[in-house]
Amino acid sequence: MDIGKKLRTLRLSMNLTQQELANKLDLTKGYISQIENNLTSPSLTTLFEILHVLGTNIHEFFSQEEETIVIYRKDQYEEYVNQTLKLKNIQLIPGMLKFQMEPILIEIEPGGQTEMDDRHPGEEFGFVLEGQITLVFNKKRYIIRKGESFYYQANKEHFMTNNSQNIAKVLWISSPPKY
């Protein structure tokens, strides 16, 4: 761990100059600079005082928390194609089982459909990005067009079909994840 770099990052996040931090601690700007550049190491007492002024403690400072990933790129997506059903599922977030929601981009070719989903606990939401689909929910049929959405408790049998002449794309979010 680069202690000096981490201290500099904390100081800058507090919008403090080296001089302002030094003044709060009765230290010199040069000493703060040496610490941040790893040219010297502060005593434990001084480190505790610096951390206190910077709004943290020794435990938080040295914790090795993993950085939270919030952006997923196209090259991380996982794609599943079912030629028989004329269907492509694109998992937009890898490793979905560790999350509470599962967003999928579903592309259904004309005449295609998703697999019949048996009733299960959870909720599902969809937004039609292109084309139109027919949602079959509890044996009832609902036509949903581009720009329209749907939402239901997944406690009834359900699936989607594309009875149109154009490809349909649906942003699908289920909770809890299925795949």
C-alpha atoms as a PDB file:
ATOM      1  CA  MET A   1       0.000   0.000   0.000  1.00  0.00           C
ATOM      2  CA  ASP A   2       1.283   3.448  -0.925  1.00  0.00           C
ATOM      3  CA  ILE A   3       0.584   5.297   2.345  1.00  0.00           C
ATOM      4  CA  GLY A   4       1.757   8.676   1.049  1.00  0.00           C
ATOM      5  CA  LYS A   5      -0.416   8.474  -2.060  1.00  0.00           C
ATOM      6  CA  LYS A   6      -3.427   7.385  -0.025  1.00  0.00           C
ATOM      7  CA  LEU A   7      -2.918  10.284   2.432  1.00  0.00           C
ATOM      8  CA  ARG A   8      -2.641  12.723  -0.499  1.00  0.00           C
ATOM      9  CA  THR A   9      -5.862  11.375  -1.991  1.00  0.00           C
ATOM     10  CA  LEU A  10      -7.650  11.789   1.349  1.00  0.00           C
ATOM     11  CA  ARG A  11      -6.301  15.314   1.782  1.00  0.00           C
ATOM     12  CA  LEU A  12      -7.383  16.334  -1.709  1.00  0.00           C
ATOM     13  CA  SER A  13     -10.843  14.806  -1.168  1.00  0.00           C
ATOM     14  CA  MET A  14     -11.183  17.173   1.805  1.00  0.00           C
ATOM     15  CA  ASN A  15     -10.117  20.117  -0.421  1.00  0.00           C
ATOM     16  CA  LEU A  16      -7.148  20.849   1.821  1.00  0.00           C
ATOM     17  CA  THR A  17      -3.768  22.127   0.693  1.00  0.00           C
ATOM     18  CA  GLN A  18      -0.638  20.697   2.263  1.00  0.00           C
ATOM     19  CA  GLN A  19      -0.246  24.002   4.121  1.00  0.00           C
ATOM     20  CA  GLU A  20      -3.806  23.877   5.501  1.00  0.00           C
ATOM     21  CA  LEU A  21      -3.327  20.305   6.709  1.00  0.00           C
ATOM     22  CA  ALA A  22       0.027  21.205   8.252  1.00  0.00           C
ATOM     23  CA  ASN A  23      -1.540  24.186  10.075  1.00  0.00           C
ATOM     24  CA  LYS A  24      -4.291  21.975  11.556  1.00  0.00           C
ATOM     25  CA  LEU A  25      -1.644  19.592  12.897  1.00  0.00           C
ATOM     26  CA  ASP A  26       1.020  22.099  13.928  1.00  0.00           C
ATOM     27  CA  LEU A  27       3.401  20.558  11.388  1.00  0.00           C
ATOM     28  CA  THR A  28       5.263  22.014   8.414  1.00  0.00           C
ATOM     29  CA  LYS A  29       4.128  21.892   4.806  1.00  0.00           C
ATOM     30  CA  GLY A  30       7.489  20.307   3.935  1.00  0.00           C
ATOM     31  CA  TYR A  31       6.904  17.463   6.396  1.00  0.00           C
ATOM     32  CA  ILE A  32       3.441  16.765   4.909  1.00  0.00           C
ATOM     33  CA  SER A  33       5.030  16.769   1.443  1.00  0.00           C
ATOM     34  CA  GLN A  34       7.705  14.291   2.566  1.00  0.00           C
ATOM     35  CA  ILE A  35       5.055  11.961   4.010  1.00  0.00           C
ATOM     36  CA  GLU A  36       2.937  12.132   0.845  1.00  0.00           C
ATOM     37  CA  ASN A  37       5.992  11.422  -1.328  1.00  0.00           C
ATOM     38  CA  ASN A  38       7.057   8.516   0.923  1.00  0.00           C
ATOM     39  CA  LEU A  39      10.317  10.237   1.793  1.00  0.00           C
ATOM     40  CA  THR A  40       9.609   9.857   5.501  1.00  0.00           C
ATOM     41  CA  SER A  41       7.165   7.929   7.651  1.00  0.00           C
ATOM     42  CA  PRO A  42       5.112   9.615  10.365  1.00  0.00           C
ATOM     43  CA  SER A  43       5.106   8.268  13.888  1.00  0.00           C
ATOM     44  CA  LEU A  44       1.985   6.351  14.847  1.00  0.00           C
ATOM     45  CA  THR A  45       0.806   9.294  16.933  1.00  0.00           C
ATOM     46  CA  THR A  46       1.226  11.674  13.994  1.00  0.00           C
ATOM     47  CA  LEU A  47      -0.483   9.227  11.608  1.00  0.00           C
ATOM     48  CA  PHE A  48      -3.449   8.941  13.999  1.00  0.00           C
ATOM     49  CA  GLU A  49      -3.684  12.744  14.167  1.00  0.00           C
ATOM     50  CA  ILE A  50      -3.480  13.126  10.370  1.00  0.00           C
ATOM     51  CA  LEU A  51      -6.183  10.517   9.870  1.00  0.00           C
ATOM     52  CA  HIS A  52      -8.402  12.197  12.472  1.00  0.00           C
ATOM     53  CA  VAL A  53      -8.123  15.554  10.661  1.00  0.00           C
ATOM     54  CA  LEU A  54      -8.838  13.802   7.357  1.00  0.00           C
ATOM     55  CA  GLY A  55     -12.039  12.286   8.771  1.00  0.00           C
ATOM     56  CA  THR A  56     -11.046   8.650   8.992  1.00  0.00           C
ATOM     57  CA  ASN A  57      -9.376   6.200  11.347  1.00  0.00           C
ATOM     58  CA  ILE A  58      -6.577   3.664  11.188  1.00  0.00           C
ATOM     59  CA  HIS A  59      -8.930   0.742  10.551  1.00  0.00           C
ATOM     60  CA  GLU A  60     -10.644   2.401   7.559  1.00  0.00           C
ATOM     61  CA  PHE A  61      -7.334   3.692   6.224  1.00  0.00           C
ATOM     62  CA  PHE A  62      -5.702   0.262   6.119  1.00  0.00           C
ATOM     63  CA  SER A  63      -8.783  -1.754   5.115  1.00  0.00           C
ATOM     64  CA  GLN A  64      -8.339  -3.485   1.796  1.00  0.00           C
ATOM     65  CA  GLU A  65     -11.861  -3.021   0.486  1.00  0.00           C
ATOM     66  CA  GLU A  66     -12.352  -4.011  -3.111  1.00  0.00           C
ATOM     67  CA  GLU A  67     -13.244  -1.168  -5.395  1.00  0.00           C
ATOM     68  CA  THR A  68     -16.902  -1.337  -6.344  1.00  0.00           C
ATOM     69  CA  ILE A  69     -17.428  -1.853 -10.051  1.00  0.00           C
ATOM     70  CA  VAL A  70     -20.259   0.303 -11.365  1.00  0.00           C
ATOM     71  CA  ILE A  71     -19.630   0.314 -15.129  1.00  0.00           C
ATOM     72  CA  TYR A  72     -19.750  -2.754 -17.345  1.00  0.00           C
ATOM     73  CA  ARG A  73     -18.518  -2.593 -20.934  1.00  0.00           C
ATOM     74  CA  LYS A  74     -19.816  -4.402 -23.988  1.00  0.00           C
ATOM     75  CA  ASP A  75     -16.844  -6.790 -24.036  1.00  0.00           C
ATOM     76  CA  GLN A  76     -17.930  -8.062 -20.600  1.00  0.00           C
ATOM     77  CA  TYR A  77     -21.447  -9.019 -21.730  1.00  0.00           C
ATOM     78  CA  GLU A  78     -22.316 -12.697 -22.009  1.00  0.00           C
ATOM     79  CA  GLU A  79     -24.389 -13.753 -25.010  1.00  0.00           C
ATOM     80  CA  TYR A  80     -26.594 -16.833 -25.297  1.00  0.00           C
ATOM     81  CA  VAL A  81     -28.191 -17.741 -28.627  1.00  0.00           C
ATOM     82  CA  ASN A  82     -31.016 -20.247 -29.105  1.00  0.00           C
ATOM     83  CA  GLN A  83     -31.413 -20.893 -32.854  1.00  0.00           C
ATOM     84  CA  THR A  84     -34.544 -22.996 -32.351  1.00  0.00           C
ATOM     85  CA  LEU A  85     -36.409 -20.240 -30.508  1.00  0.00           C
ATOM     86  CA  LYS A  86     -34.852 -17.481 -32.716  1.00  0.00           C
ATOM     87  CA  LEU A  87     -33.692 -15.783 -29.544  1.00  0.00           C
ATOM     88  CA  LYS A  88     -30.593 -14.054 -28.226  1.00  0.00           C
ATOM     89  CA  ASN A  89     -30.126 -13.183 -24.526  1.00  0.00           C
ATOM     90  CA  ILE A  90     -27.369 -10.735 -23.674  1.00  0.00           C
ATOM     91  CA  GLN A  91     -26.494 -10.579 -19.977  1.00  0.00           C
ATOM     92  CA  LEU A  92     -25.570  -6.945 -19.408  1.00  0.00           C
ATOM     93  CA  ILE A  93     -23.934  -7.553 -16.018  1.00  0.00           C
ATOM     94  CA  PRO A  94     -21.630 -10.580 -15.582  1.00  0.00           C
ATOM     95  CA  GLY A  95     -22.033 -12.825 -12.541  1.00  0.00           C
ATOM     96  CA  MET A  96     -25.632 -11.829 -11.874  1.00  0.00           C
ATOM     97  CA  LEU A  97     -26.305 -14.373  -9.155  1.00  0.00           C
ATOM     98  CA  LYS A  98     -24.495 -12.211  -6.602  1.00  0.00           C
ATOM     99  CA  PHE A  99     -26.843  -9.270  -7.233  1.00  0.00           C
ATOM    100  CA  GLN A 100     -30.552  -8.780  -6.576  1.00  0.00           C
ATOM    101  CA  MET A 101     -31.519  -7.791 -10.135  1.00  0.00           C
ATOM    102  CA  GLU A 102     -30.669  -9.307 -13.496  1.00  0.00           C
ATOM    103  CA  PRO A 103     -30.773  -6.999 -16.527  1.00  0.00           C
ATOM    104  CA  ILE A 104     -30.804  -8.769 -19.900  1.00  0.00           C
ATOM    105  CA  LEU A 105     -31.170  -7.482 -23.436  1.00  0.00           C
ATOM    106  CA  ILE A 106     -33.436  -9.917 -25.273  1.00  0.00           C
ATOM    107  CA  GLU A 107     -33.517  -9.964 -29.076  1.00  0.00           C
ATOM    108  CA  ILE A 108     -36.325 -11.991 -30.623  1.00  0.00           C
ATOM    109  CA  GLU A 109     -36.381 -12.599 -34.354  1.00  0.00           C
ATOM    110  CA  PRO A 110     -39.709 -12.614 -36.237  1.00  0.00           C
ATOM    111  CA  GLY A 111     -41.529 -15.816 -35.315  1.00  0.00           C
ATOM    112  CA  GLY A 112     -39.320 -16.353 -32.281  1.00  0.00           C
ATOM    113  CA  GLN A 113     -40.101 -16.561 -28.603  1.00  0.00           C
ATOM    114  CA  THR A 114     -38.557 -16.866 -25.160  1.00  0.00           C
ATOM    115  CA  GLU A 115     -38.754 -20.110 -23.239  1.00  0.00           C
ATOM    116  CA  MET A 116     -41.853 -20.710 -21.142  1.00  0.00           C
ATOM    117  CA  ASP A 117     -41.009 -19.513 -17.656  1.00  0.00           C
ATOM    118  CA  ASP A 118     -42.767 -21.467 -14.937  1.00  0.00           C
ATOM    119  CA  ARG A 119     -44.096 -19.568 -11.960  1.00  0.00           C
ATOM    120  CA  HIS A 120     -41.385 -18.606  -9.513  1.00  0.00           C
ATOM    121  CA  PRO A 121     -40.850 -16.091  -6.737  1.00  0.00           C
ATOM    122  CA  GLY A 122     -39.798 -12.623  -7.809  1.00  0.00           C
ATOM    123  CA  GLU A 123     -40.697  -9.754 -10.075  1.00  0.00           C
ATOM    124  CA  GLU A 124     -40.014  -9.009 -13.726  1.00  0.00           C
ATOM    125  CA  PHE A 125     -39.920  -5.805 -15.732  1.00  0.00           C
ATOM    126  CA  GLY A 126     -39.525  -5.245 -19.447  1.00  0.00           C
ATOM    127  CA  PHE A 127     -39.185  -2.258 -21.757  1.00  0.00           C
ATOM    128  CA  VAL A 128     -39.553  -2.699 -25.523  1.00  0.00           C
ATOM    129  CA  LEU A 129     -36.668  -0.906 -27.225  1.00  0.00           C
ATOM    130  CA  GLU A 130     -37.483  -1.977 -30.808  1.00  0.00           C
ATOM    131  CA  GLY A 131     -40.399  -3.654 -32.548  1.00  0.00           C
ATOM    132  CA  GLN A 132     -43.239  -5.222 -30.618  1.00  0.00           C
ATOM    133  CA  ILE A 133     -43.758  -8.375 -28.624  1.00  0.00           C
ATOM    134  CA  THR A 134     -46.651 -10.357 -27.302  1.00  0.00           C
ATOM    135  CA  LEU A 135     -46.366 -11.080 -23.601  1.00  0.00           C
ATOM    136  CA  VAL A 136     -48.190 -14.244 -22.572  1.00  0.00           C
ATOM    137  CA  PHE A 137     -48.847 -14.024 -18.844  1.00  0.00           C
ATOM    138  CA  ASN A 138     -51.139 -16.506 -17.116  1.00  0.00           C
ATOM    139  CA  LYS A 139     -52.404 -17.589 -20.579  1.00  0.00           C
ATOM    140  CA  LYS A 140     -53.497 -14.007 -21.419  1.00  0.00           C
ATOM    141  CA  ARG A 141     -51.858 -12.199 -24.348  1.00  0.00           C
ATOM    142  CA  TYR A 142     -50.712  -8.571 -24.228  1.00  0.00           C
ATOM    143  CA  ILE A 143     -49.268  -6.730 -27.226  1.00  0.00           C
ATOM    144  CA  ILE A 144     -46.471  -4.384 -26.142  1.00  0.00           C
ATOM    145  CA  ARG A 145     -44.948  -1.930 -28.603  1.00  0.00           C
ATOM    146  CA  LYS A 146     -41.732   0.075 -28.788  1.00  0.00           C
ATOM    147  CA  GLY A 147     -41.555   2.546 -25.894  1.00  0.00           C
ATOM    148  CA  GLU A 148     -43.978   0.583 -23.713  1.00  0.00           C
ATOM    149  CA  SER A 149     -43.132  -1.395 -20.611  1.00  0.00           C
ATOM    150  CA  PHE A 150     -44.566  -4.172 -18.478  1.00  0.00           C
ATOM    151  CA  TYR A 151     -44.172  -5.336 -14.907  1.00  0.00           C
ATOM    152  CA  TYR A 152     -45.542  -8.311 -12.988  1.00  0.00           C
ATOM    153  CA  GLN A 153     -45.065 -10.716 -10.105  1.00  0.00           C
ATOM    154  CA  ALA A 154     -43.573 -13.864 -11.659  1.00  0.00           C
ATOM    155  CA  ASN A 155     -46.000 -16.180  -9.868  1.00  0.00           C
ATOM    156  CA  LYS A 156     -47.747 -17.218 -13.118  1.00  0.00           C
ATOM    157  CA  GLU A 157     -46.445 -18.897 -16.284  1.00  0.00           C
ATOM    158  CA  HIS A 158     -45.076 -16.354 -18.744  1.00  0.00           C
ATOM    159  CA  PHE A 159     -43.127 -15.921 -21.983  1.00  0.00           C
ATOM    160  CA  MET A 160     -42.764 -13.511 -24.903  1.00  0.00           C
ATOM    161  CA  THR A 161     -43.272 -14.025 -28.625  1.00  0.00           C
ATOM    162  CA  ASN A 162     -42.511 -11.903 -31.655  1.00  0.00           C
ATOM    163  CA  ASN A 163     -45.370 -12.238 -34.134  1.00  0.00           C
ATOM    164  CA  SER A 164     -44.255  -9.227 -36.177  1.00  0.00           C
ATOM    165  CA  GLN A 165     -42.067  -9.057 -39.288  1.00  0.00           C
ATOM    166  CA  ASN A 166     -39.246  -7.174 -37.496  1.00  0.00           C
ATOM    167  CA  ILE A 167     -36.738  -8.020 -34.797  1.00  0.00           C
ATOM    168  CA  ALA A 168     -37.866  -7.077 -31.277  1.00  0.00           C
ATOM    169  CA  LYS A 169     -35.478  -5.905 -28.562  1.00  0.00           C
ATOM    170  CA  VAL A 170     -36.529  -5.879 -24.929  1.00  0.00           C
ATOM    171  CA  LEU A 171     -34.648  -4.690 -21.880  1.00  0.00           C
ATOM    172  CA  TRP A 172     -35.598  -7.329 -19.304  1.00  0.00           C
ATOM    173  CA  ILE A 173     -34.951  -7.048 -15.582  1.00  0.00           C
ATOM    174  CA  SER A 174     -35.809  -9.801 -13.157  1.00  0.00           C
ATOM    175  CA  SER A 175     -35.393 -10.035  -9.425  1.00  0.00           C
ATOM    176  CA  PRO A 176     -34.034 -12.299  -8.091  1.00  0.00           C
ATOM    177  CA  PRO A 177     -31.692 -13.325 -10.927  1.00  0.00           C
ATOM    178  CA  LYS A 178     -32.567 -16.468 -12.841  1.00  0.00           C
ATOM    179  CA  TYR A 179     -29.330 -17.242 -14.722  1.00  0.00           C
END
